[in-house]
Amino acid sequence: MTMSEAPDLTLGDPLLGCIALIARMQGVNLDAEGLAWGFARGADGRVAPSRVPEMVERHGLAASWSRRAPTALPAIALPVVVPLRDGGAVVLVALDPAGGVAEVLLPEAGLAPCQVSLNELSSRATGEVLLVKPRLTRQGRALLPEADATLRWFWSAIWRYRSHYAFALVATVVANVLT
């Protein structure tokens, strides 16, 4: 597929195109039109950046803005959307501080990665990044017990083996009476 045949993910808003790329990378099939449906656009055809987290949450993802330099992000936070000073945006996929390059995706090019120098990325970035991740769901498991259930495990074990504890209690009483 050539660039002219590639679907336009941006619809005039590179930020939406980048979010659509990250959504596709995470298995959610979205495009810019589907993301922006129901949200007002400005005169330039773009959705206000403050509305982006709400827009993304409608589609099963979580998003938040962070005031960090894109070159200072840990690898676990990637991929992120990096808005640029000229109004564009890129998806930062990987950083190589030793080599001084970053791997980015351009919304116009789809999933074809490009490499840019870290200095160029830092100079063109606005100083904010948009973190887009799958929304966490609880699925009936928890790492920490609920606050009101601190001793529930203990009483449920006592109740489950009550017949054994009853025999042990009777044996203890008989042993103490006979000695």
Foldseek 3Di string as FASTA:
>chain_A
DDLVPDDQQAQQAQVSLQVCLVCVVVPQHDGSCQLCPPADADPSRHGDPVCNQVSLVVRQKGKDKDQAQPQPDDLVQPFWWFQWPVRHIWTFHADDVVVQKTWIHGSSRRPDIDIDGSVVSRVGTPRMIMGMGGDDDDPPDDPDDDPVCPCVVVVVVCVVCVVVVVVVVVVVVVVVVVD
